[in-house]
Protein backbone atom coordinates (compact mmCIF):
# COMPACT_ATOMS: atom_id res chain seq x y z
CA MET A 1 0.00 0.00 0.00
CA THR A 2 1.24 3.47 -0.82
CA GLU A 3 0.28 5.89 1.91
CA LEU A 4 2.15 9.12 2.57
CA LYS A 5 1.99 10.56 6.07
CA VAL A 6 3.43 14.05 5.91
CA ALA A 7 3.41 15.89 9.23
CA ALA A 8 0.15 17.74 9.65
CA PRO A 9 -0.65 20.54 12.08
CA GLY A 10 -2.00 19.27 15.33
CA ALA A 11 -0.47 15.79 14.98
CA GLY A 12 -0.13 14.64 18.56
CA GLN A 13 -1.45 18.03 19.71
CA GLY A 14 -5.14 17.76 18.95
CA PHE A 15 -7.38 16.99 16.02
CA ALA A 16 -7.36 19.02 12.80
CA PRO A 17 -10.10 18.46 10.16
CA ALA A 18 -8.89 17.33 6.73
CA ARG A 19 -10.18 18.32 3.30
CA ILE A 20 -10.55 15.25 1.08
CA ILE A 21 -9.78 15.66 -2.62
CA GLU A 22 -9.09 13.46 -5.63
CA VAL A 23 -6.26 14.18 -8.06
CA GLU A 24 -5.91 12.72 -11.55
CA LEU A 25 -2.17 12.53 -12.20
CA THR A 26 -2.50 12.65 -15.99
CA GLU A 27 -4.04 16.11 -15.79
CA ARG A 28 -2.70 19.42 -14.55
CA LEU A 29 -2.58 19.26 -10.77
CA PRO A 30 -4.91 21.57 -8.86
CA SER A 31 -4.07 24.09 -6.21
CA VAL A 32 -5.51 23.39 -2.78
CA PRO A 33 -6.86 26.56 -1.19
CA SER A 34 -6.76 27.26 2.54
CA GLY A 35 -9.66 28.56 4.55
CA GLY A 36 -12.60 27.09 6.37
CA PRO A 37 -12.20 24.52 9.12
CA HIS A 38 -9.70 22.33 7.28
CA HIS A 39 -6.04 22.48 8.28
CA ARG A 40 -4.96 19.35 6.42
CA VAL A 41 -5.51 17.89 2.97
CA TRP A 42 -6.07 14.19 2.31
CA VAL A 43 -5.47 13.31 -1.33
CA LEU A 44 -6.51 10.24 -3.30
CA ALA A 45 -4.20 9.98 -6.32
CA ARG A 46 -5.45 8.37 -9.53
CA LEU A 47 -3.56 7.37 -12.66
CA HIS A 48 -5.92 7.22 -15.65
CA THR A 49 -8.79 6.80 -13.12
CA GLU A 50 -7.07 3.95 -11.22
CA PRO A 51 -6.60 4.68 -7.48
CA ILE A 52 -2.91 4.21 -6.65
CA GLY A 53 -2.34 5.83 -3.24
CA VAL A 54 -3.22 8.49 -0.70
CA CYS A 55 -1.26 11.40 0.73
CA GLU A 56 -1.90 13.51 3.81
CA ALA A 57 -0.24 16.91 4.29
CA ALA A 58 -0.49 20.17 6.19
CA LEU A 59 -2.62 22.91 4.68
CA GLY A 60 -1.13 26.23 5.71
CA ASP A 61 -2.53 29.72 5.44
CA ASP A 62 -1.40 29.99 1.82
CA GLY A 63 -2.76 26.62 0.74
CA ILE A 64 -0.80 24.30 -1.56
CA THR A 65 0.27 25.25 -5.07
CA PRO A 66 0.29 22.71 -7.95
CA ASP A 67 4.11 22.60 -7.81
CA GLN A 68 4.04 21.95 -4.05
CA LEU A 69 1.43 19.25 -4.50
CA ALA A 70 3.58 17.53 -7.13
CA ALA A 71 6.57 17.63 -4.78
CA LEU A 72 4.49 16.08 -1.98
CA LEU A 73 3.04 13.29 -4.10
CA TRP A 74 6.07 12.17 -6.10
CA PRO A 75 8.35 10.66 -3.40
CA GLU A 76 5.71 8.24 -2.14
CA LEU A 77 3.84 7.59 -5.39
CA ARG A 78 6.95 7.08 -7.50
CA GLU A 79 6.95 3.30 -7.03
CA PRO A 80 3.40 2.57 -8.29
CA ILE A 81 3.87 5.13 -11.08
CA VAL A 82 7.10 3.46 -12.22
CA GLU A 83 5.43 0.05 -12.06
CA ARG A 84 2.52 1.11 -14.24
CA PHE A 85 4.64 2.99 -16.78
CA GLY A 86 6.84 -0.08 -17.07
CA ALA A 87 3.80 -2.30 -17.67
CA ALA A 88 2.73 0.11 -20.41
CA GLY A 89 6.18 -0.10 -22.04
CA LEU A 90 6.80 3.61 -21.50
CA ALA A 91 9.84 5.48 -20.25
CA VAL A 92 9.68 6.22 -16.55
CA PRO A 93 8.97 9.92 -15.91
CA PRO A 94 11.83 11.63 -14.07
CA ALA A 95 9.41 13.39 -11.74
CA LEU A 96 5.83 14.50 -11.25
CA THR A 97 5.29 18.12 -12.23
CA SER A 98 2.34 20.43 -11.88
CA ASP A 99 1.46 19.66 -15.52
CA GLY A 100 0.85 16.00 -14.63
CA LEU A 101 2.09 12.84 -16.31
CA ARG A 102 1.90 12.18 -20.03
CA ALA A 103 0.59 8.76 -21.04
CA ASP A 104 -1.58 7.89 -24.05
CA PRO A 105 -4.98 6.67 -22.76
CA ASP A 106 -5.50 4.63 -25.94
CA THR A 107 -2.61 2.31 -25.02
CA TRP A 108 -2.79 2.43 -21.23
CA PRO A 109 -3.17 -1.15 -19.83
CA PHE A 110 -5.61 -0.33 -17.04
CA LEU A 111 -7.97 1.52 -19.39
CA LEU A 112 -7.68 -1.21 -22.04
CA GLU A 113 -8.62 -3.82 -19.47
CA CYS A 114 -11.59 -1.72 -18.32
CA SER A 115 -12.76 -1.37 -21.92
CA LYS A 116 -12.48 -5.12 -22.40
CA VAL A 117 -14.52 -5.75 -19.26
CA LEU A 118 -17.20 -3.24 -20.24
CA ALA A 119 -17.50 -4.74 -23.73
CA ASN A 120 -18.75 -7.97 -22.14
CA ALA A 121 -20.32 -6.46 -19.03
CA PRO A 122 -22.71 -8.80 -17.20
CA ALA A 123 -25.85 -7.58 -15.49
CA ILE A 124 -25.43 -6.80 -11.79
CA SER A 125 -27.97 -6.49 -9.02
CA VAL A 126 -26.97 -3.94 -6.38
CA VAL A 127 -28.56 -4.54 -2.98
CA VAL A 128 -28.74 -1.60 -0.56
CA CYS A 129 -30.07 -2.37 2.91
CA THR A 130 -31.34 0.48 5.06
CA ARG A 131 -33.39 1.25 8.15
CA ASP A 132 -34.97 4.65 8.83
CA ARG A 133 -32.17 6.71 7.22
CA PRO A 134 -33.76 8.20 4.07
CA ASP A 135 -31.39 11.20 4.00
CA ARG A 136 -28.29 9.01 4.02
CA LEU A 137 -29.87 6.59 1.55
CA SER A 138 -30.66 9.44 -0.83
CA SER A 139 -26.96 10.33 -1.13
CA CYS A 140 -26.11 6.69 -1.77
CA LEU A 141 -28.71 6.34 -4.53
CA LYS A 142 -27.61 9.57 -6.21
CA ARG A 143 -24.05 8.21 -6.43
CA LEU A 144 -25.36 4.94 -7.88
CA GLU A 145 -27.07 6.94 -10.61
CA ARG A 146 -23.63 8.19 -11.72
CA GLN A 147 -22.16 4.73 -12.32
CA GLN A 148 -20.21 4.40 -15.58
CA TYR A 149 -21.84 1.02 -16.10
CA GLU A 150 -24.98 0.21 -18.03
CA HIS A 151 -26.37 -3.15 -17.02
CA PHE A 152 -27.46 -3.00 -13.40
CA GLU A 153 -30.48 -2.69 -11.16
CA VAL A 154 -30.79 -1.42 -7.58
CA VAL A 155 -32.80 -3.31 -4.97
CA VAL A 156 -33.44 -1.25 -1.83
CA VAL A 157 -34.36 -3.39 1.17
CA ASP A 158 -36.19 -1.48 3.91
CA ASN A 159 -35.47 -3.33 7.15
CA ALA A 160 -38.30 -3.17 9.72
CA PRO A 161 -39.16 0.45 8.83
CA THR A 162 -41.06 2.74 11.16
CA SER A 163 -42.30 4.98 8.33
CA ASP A 164 -42.88 5.03 4.57
CA ALA A 165 -40.04 7.51 3.96
CA VAL A 166 -37.74 5.01 2.24
CA ARG A 167 -40.55 3.55 0.13
CA THR A 168 -41.47 7.06 -1.04
CA LEU A 169 -37.85 7.89 -1.81
CA VAL A 170 -37.42 4.77 -3.96
CA GLU A 171 -40.78 5.04 -5.70
CA ASP A 172 -40.04 8.66 -6.63
CA ARG A 173 -37.16 7.28 -8.70
CA ALA A 174 -39.33 4.70 -10.46
CA GLY A 175 -39.38 6.67 -13.70
CA ASP A 176 -35.61 7.13 -13.84
CA LYS A 177 -33.47 5.39 -16.43
CA LEU A 178 -31.89 3.29 -13.71
CA GLN A 179 -34.15 0.58 -12.33
CA PHE A 180 -34.86 0.99 -8.61
CA ARG A 181 -36.96 -1.57 -6.79
CA TYR A 182 -38.28 -1.48 -3.23
CA GLN A 183 -38.47 -4.49 -0.92
CA ARG A 184 -39.63 -4.55 2.69
CA GLU A 185 -38.18 -6.98 5.24
CA PRO A 186 -40.13 -6.90 8.53
CA ARG A 187 -37.62 -8.90 10.61
CA ILE A 188 -34.94 -6.71 12.19
CA GLY A 189 -31.41 -7.62 11.19
CA LEU A 190 -29.02 -6.86 8.37
CA SER A 191 -28.74 -10.50 7.33
CA TRP A 192 -32.52 -10.85 7.02
CA ALA A 193 -32.45 -7.76 4.78
CA ARG A 194 -29.55 -9.02 2.67
CA ASN A 195 -31.20 -12.39 2.14
CA THR A 196 -34.39 -10.62 1.07
CA GLY A 197 -32.29 -8.63 -1.41
CA ILE A 198 -30.77 -11.83 -2.80
CA ALA A 199 -34.23 -13.31 -3.34
CA ALA A 200 -35.40 -10.15 -5.15
CA ALA A 201 -32.27 -9.75 -7.31
CA THR A 202 -32.49 -10.84 -10.96
CA SER A 203 -28.77 -11.00 -11.85
CA GLU A 204 -26.10 -13.66 -11.41
CA ILE A 205 -23.77 -11.16 -9.77
CA ILE A 206 -25.11 -9.52 -6.61
CA ALA A 207 -23.26 -6.57 -5.07
CA PHE A 208 -23.83 -5.19 -1.58
CA LEU A 209 -23.24 -1.78 -0.06
CA ASP A 210 -24.59 0.09 2.96
CA ASP A 211 -26.76 3.19 3.02
CA ASP A 212 -23.85 5.23 4.46
CA ASP A 213 -21.70 4.39 1.42
CA GLU A 214 -21.17 6.47 -1.71
CA PRO A 215 -19.78 4.38 -4.59
CA ASP A 216 -17.17 5.77 -6.93
CA GLU A 217 -18.51 6.11 -10.47
CA HIS A 218 -16.25 3.24 -11.61
CA TRP A 219 -17.22 0.96 -8.70
CA LEU A 220 -19.12 -1.63 -10.71
CA THR A 221 -16.45 -1.69 -13.41
CA GLY A 222 -13.97 -2.55 -10.67
CA ILE A 223 -16.27 -5.28 -9.33
CA VAL A 224 -16.51 -6.93 -12.75
CA SER A 225 -12.75 -6.56 -13.27
CA GLY A 226 -12.25 -8.62 -10.11
CA PHE A 227 -14.51 -11.39 -11.35
CA ALA A 228 -12.73 -11.35 -14.72
CA ARG A 229 -9.43 -12.51 -13.17
CA ASN A 230 -10.45 -16.15 -13.39
CA SER A 231 -13.50 -18.40 -13.29
CA ARG A 232 -12.83 -19.46 -9.69
CA ILE A 233 -13.49 -15.98 -8.28
CA GLY A 234 -16.68 -16.30 -6.26
CA CYS A 235 -16.54 -12.94 -4.49
CA VAL A 236 -14.98 -9.52 -5.07
CA THR A 237 -14.29 -7.01 -2.31
CA GLY A 238 -13.01 -3.48 -2.74
CA LEU A 239 -11.29 -0.49 -1.25
CA ILE A 240 -13.22 1.71 1.21
CA LEU A 241 -12.02 5.24 1.93
CA PRO A 242 -13.41 7.96 4.22
CA ALA A 243 -15.97 10.29 2.69
CA ARG A 244 -15.13 12.90 5.34
CA LEU A 245 -12.53 13.54 8.01
CA ASP A 246 -14.24 16.44 9.76
CA THR A 247 -14.42 15.07 13.30
CA LEU A 248 -12.15 13.38 15.81
CA ALA A 249 -14.19 10.16 15.67
CA GLU A 250 -13.81 9.91 11.90
CA GLU A 251 -10.07 10.44 12.25
CA LEU A 252 -9.76 7.85 15.04
CA PHE A 253 -11.51 5.24 12.94
CA GLU A 254 -9.00 5.78 10.14
CA LYS A 255 -6.08 5.71 12.59
CA ILE A 256 -7.00 2.21 13.71
CA GLY A 257 -7.27 1.03 10.12
CA GLY A 258 -10.69 2.17 8.94
CA HIS A 259 -12.38 -0.34 6.68
CA ARG A 260 -9.05 -1.21 5.02
CA LEU A 261 -7.32 -2.70 8.06
CA GLY A 262 -4.13 -3.50 6.21
CA ARG A 263 -5.43 -3.85 2.66
CA GLY A 264 -4.15 -1.28 0.21
CA PHE A 265 -3.90 -0.38 -3.45
CA ALA A 266 -2.49 -3.67 -4.73
CA GLU A 267 -4.69 -6.41 -6.17
CA GLU A 268 -4.83 -9.59 -4.10
CA THR A 269 -6.45 -12.99 -4.60
CA PHE A 270 -7.29 -15.32 -1.72
CA SER A 271 -8.07 -19.02 -1.86
CA ARG A 272 -8.44 -21.90 0.54
CA ALA A 273 -4.73 -22.58 0.01
CA GLY A 274 -3.60 -19.06 0.92
CA PRO A 275 -1.85 -16.72 1.07
CA GLN A 276 -3.91 -16.23 4.24
CA SER A 277 -5.89 -18.88 6.11
CA PRO A 278 -9.63 -18.62 5.41
CA LEU A 279 -10.11 -19.21 9.16
CA PHE A 280 -8.09 -16.12 10.06
CA PRO A 281 -9.78 -13.04 8.55
CA LEU A 282 -7.32 -10.56 10.10
CA PRO A 283 -6.67 -8.40 8.20
CA PRO A 284 -10.11 -8.99 6.68
CA PHE A 285 -10.65 -10.28 3.16
CA GLY A 286 -13.11 -7.41 2.77
CA THR A 287 -16.18 -5.96 4.46
CA GLY A 288 -19.90 -5.94 3.87
CA ALA A 289 -19.85 -2.28 2.90
CA ASN A 290 -18.27 -3.24 -0.43
CA MET A 291 -18.60 -6.81 -1.66
CA ALA A 292 -20.16 -8.78 -4.51
CA PHE A 293 -20.87 -12.49 -4.95
CA ARG A 294 -21.84 -14.85 -7.70
CA ARG A 295 -25.36 -16.09 -7.02
CA GLU A 296 -24.18 -19.71 -7.05
CA VAL A 297 -21.80 -18.92 -4.17
CA LEU A 298 -24.54 -17.39 -2.05
CA ALA A 299 -26.70 -20.46 -2.70
CA ARG A 300 -23.80 -22.75 -1.80
CA ILE A 301 -23.12 -21.06 1.56
CA GLY A 302 -26.80 -20.58 2.41
CA GLY A 303 -26.85 -16.80 2.17
CA PHE A 304 -26.11 -14.73 5.26
CA ASP A 305 -26.45 -16.14 8.77
CA VAL A 306 -29.43 -14.27 10.23
CA ALA A 307 -28.04 -14.63 13.76
CA LEU A 308 -25.14 -12.36 12.82
CA GLY A 309 -25.01 -8.73 11.71
CA ALA A 310 -26.31 -5.32 12.68
CA GLY A 311 -29.66 -5.40 14.44
CA THR A 312 -28.91 -8.71 16.20
CA PRO A 313 -27.33 -9.43 19.61
CA ALA A 314 -24.19 -10.52 17.73
CA ALA A 315 -23.97 -6.99 16.23
CA SER A 316 -21.78 -7.84 13.18
CA GLY A 317 -19.76 -10.66 11.61
CA GLU A 318 -22.20 -11.81 8.92
CA ASP A 319 -19.96 -10.54 6.13
CA THR A 320 -16.87 -12.21 7.63
CA LEU A 321 -18.66 -15.55 7.87
CA ALA A 322 -19.88 -15.31 4.26
CA LEU A 323 -16.36 -14.55 3.02
CA THR A 324 -14.81 -17.39 5.03
CA LEU A 325 -17.43 -19.88 3.87
CA THR A 326 -16.80 -18.77 0.29
CA LEU A 327 -13.14 -19.75 0.65
CA LEU A 328 -13.92 -23.00 2.48
CA SER A 329 -16.32 -23.90 -0.36
CA GLY A 330 -13.45 -23.82 -2.84
CA TYR A 331 -14.00 -20.40 -4.39
CA GLU A 332 -11.54 -17.50 -4.46
CA ILE A 333 -11.93 -13.90 -3.32
CA ALA A 334 -10.51 -11.01 -5.32
CA TRP A 335 -9.48 -7.82 -3.51
CA GLU A 336 -9.95 -5.15 -6.17
CA PRO A 337 -8.81 -1.61 -5.23
CA SER A 338 -10.47 -0.03 -8.27
CA ALA A 339 -13.85 -1.12 -6.87
CA LEU A 340 -13.75 1.98 -4.72
CA MET A 341 -16.28 3.02 -2.09
CA TRP A 342 -16.48 6.20 0.02
CA HIS A 343 -17.84 5.62 3.52
CA HIS A 344 -19.34 8.02 6.07
CA HIS A 345 -17.79 7.06 9.41
CA ARG A 346 -19.37 7.67 12.82
CA GLN A 347 -19.10 11.39 13.57
CA ASP A 348 -18.93 11.26 17.38
CA VAL A 349 -16.73 9.25 19.75
CA ALA A 350 -19.72 7.68 21.51
CA GLY A 351 -20.97 6.33 18.19
CA LEU A 352 -17.48 5.09 17.31
CA SER A 353 -17.21 3.33 20.67
CA ARG A 354 -20.51 1.54 20.06
CA GLN A 355 -19.38 0.57 16.57
CA LEU A 356 -16.06 -0.89 17.72
CA HIS A 357 -17.80 -2.69 20.56
CA GLY A 358 -20.17 -4.22 18.03
CA TYR A 359 -17.29 -5.25 15.78
CA SER A 360 -15.63 -6.96 18.76
CA ILE A 361 -18.79 -8.87 19.64
CA GLY A 362 -19.11 -9.84 15.99
CA LEU A 363 -15.52 -11.11 15.75
CA THR A 364 -15.91 -13.82 18.38
CA ALA A 365 -19.55 -14.40 17.41
CA PHE A 366 -18.22 -15.14 13.92
CA TYR A 367 -16.05 -17.93 15.31
CA ALA A 368 -18.99 -19.38 17.21
CA ALA A 369 -21.04 -19.29 14.01
CA LEU A 370 -18.21 -20.84 12.01
CA LEU A 371 -18.05 -23.77 14.41
CA ARG A 372 -21.82 -24.16 14.16
CA HIS A 373 -21.68 -24.25 10.36
CA ARG A 374 -18.37 -26.12 10.02
CA PRO A 375 -17.58 -27.96 13.29
CA GLY A 376 -14.75 -29.83 11.59
CA VAL A 377 -12.56 -26.69 11.55
CA LEU A 378 -12.01 -26.74 15.32
CA PRO A 379 -8.54 -28.41 15.21
CA ALA A 380 -7.34 -25.91 12.61
CA LEU A 381 -8.69 -23.02 14.70
CA LEU A 382 -6.78 -24.18 17.74
CA LYS A 383 -3.56 -24.22 15.71
CA LEU A 384 -4.20 -20.60 14.71
CA LEU A 385 -4.48 -19.32 18.29
CA PRO A 386 -0.77 -18.30 18.61
CA ALA A 387 -0.98 -16.36 15.33
CA ALA A 388 -4.15 -14.61 16.54
CA VAL A 389 -2.46 -13.57 19.79
CA ARG A 390 0.55 -12.20 17.88
CA TYR A 391 -1.73 -10.28 15.51
CA LEU A 392 -3.76 -8.72 18.32
CA LYS A 393 -0.58 -7.71 20.15
CA GLY A 394 0.79 -6.17 16.97
CA THR A 395 -2.32 -4.04 16.50
CA SER A 396 -2.65 -3.01 20.14
CA THR A 397 -0.26 -0.04 19.84
CA LYS A 398 -2.21 3.17 19.30
CA PRO A 399 -1.03 6.69 18.37
CA GLY A 400 0.43 8.59 21.32
CA ASP A 401 -2.31 11.22 21.56
CA SER A 402 -5.43 10.76 23.74
CA PRO A 403 -4.22 7.70 25.72
CA ASP A 404 -7.28 7.76 28.01
CA LEU A 405 -9.59 7.70 25.00
CA TRP A 406 -7.72 4.78 23.42
CA GLU A 407 -7.80 2.91 26.72
CA GLY A 408 -11.56 3.29 26.91
CA LEU A 409 -12.03 2.09 23.33
CA ASP A 410 -9.75 -0.90 23.96
CA ARG A 411 -11.69 -1.81 27.09
CA ARG A 412 -14.97 -1.77 25.18
CA GLN A 413 -13.49 -3.98 22.47
CA LEU A 414 -12.24 -6.53 24.98
CA GLN A 415 -15.65 -6.63 26.64
CA GLY A 416 -17.21 -7.23 23.25
CA MET A 417 -14.91 -10.13 22.37
CA LEU A 418 -15.69 -11.82 25.67
CA THR A 419 -19.46 -11.65 25.11
CA GLY A 420 -19.53 -12.58 21.40
CA PRO A 421 -20.09 -16.37 21.61
CA LEU A 422 -22.95 -16.06 24.13
CA ALA A 423 -24.44 -13.23 22.08
CA TYR A 424 -24.46 -15.49 19.05
CA ILE A 425 -26.14 -18.35 20.91
CA GLY A 426 -28.84 -15.97 22.13
CA SER A 427 -29.23 -14.52 18.65
CA VAL A 428 -29.75 -17.97 17.09
CA ARG A 429 -32.66 -18.54 19.44
CA LYS A 430 -34.07 -15.08 18.81
CA GLN A 431 -33.94 -15.44 15.02
CA LYS A 432 -35.60 -18.86 15.17
CA ARG A 433 -38.51 -17.24 17.00
CA ALA A 434 -38.62 -14.44 14.42
CA ALA A 435 -38.70 -16.96 11.57
CA ALA A 436 -41.43 -19.01 13.25
CA SER A 437 -43.52 -15.89 13.89
CA THR A 438 -43.27 -14.83 10.26
CA ALA A 439 -44.14 -18.33 9.06
CA SER A 440 -47.23 -18.46 11.30
CA ARG A 441 -48.48 -15.10 9.99
CA GLN A 442 -47.98 -16.19 6.39
CA GLY A 443 -49.60 -19.56 7.08
């Protein structure tokens, strides 16, 4: 992963909001003005639309000129730039200037591969699950309307709604060129909603995102590019970057790894044979905020475990279980950075604490669920315990600022991991009652 951390004002001395921008390196670089609440700039660099790295730098009173921006980006982005120019058979540029890099788009490998993928683009069903957040959902749907991809539908699953606001929002888009469809799932729980979305989807590839996501316009092209690697790819996951870094909580989430948690801007492919054990999803193979499956895979693994995920006592983990079962079923997972998603993190520390607590419950609940679905993996899990301890120790070091805050977050995470298995057992019972109640009403 290429990630430049240039000293920013307030580092170790308090939080400073960051302006998030995107820069296309084959065009003239922009200036970054100062002013407003932002004292840093966080830059996503693209090379002929492909995301290749991020850079964070101070934003002084005079802003950043195009020449200064080029000087900031080049030292850390030189390696991926050199790699891609070499793959294109072009001379390596001596430096990045404010005028950008010169490379013919008609012969650029990444763009040629995208064109090849789009020429044979399969239909995709995009499933968006939501609950009582029409404002956030509206932003998500607007970004889906900008996709540079033709053959897709959007299924919005309204999970146990308390009003008709989401239905109205979706039905107001019924006459748009893009096909939006509304589905209601009365049982509370993200997995119930996702399984309802699978049943309603009409395509062989089913992609999932959350209502607090905003997909990049090339997101679906990236998803299909991942599947195009080989016929054994059963799932594609993609890069998730912060949509905003305006609050301390949003910054803290990124500092502990965000939704990337060790995955970067290099393509990776995972299988049952490696390079990482399917039983050890740390760092994760991907997250539910940005993933797509072949329908046959979802049928093979039985969809999403309804005792896991948001809205259940287990709080999360349904995506991790689905990804692990995909690998154990003999399929491969493609990590595809060009399948880019922007995510709105929790804006306050209390919300972040609840989120991390839920993730911790979900982590150990996932292992309880895995043993329920695949009891034969127990010996292999026991062998992985030393590696898990080493991993957790290696990620326990936090940035030096706000030690009391980090201590509190760590304590909440530990509490969550201890309660996960029992939470899952209770959730299994609860979801069985929910299923029986629904069946009796329908009967």
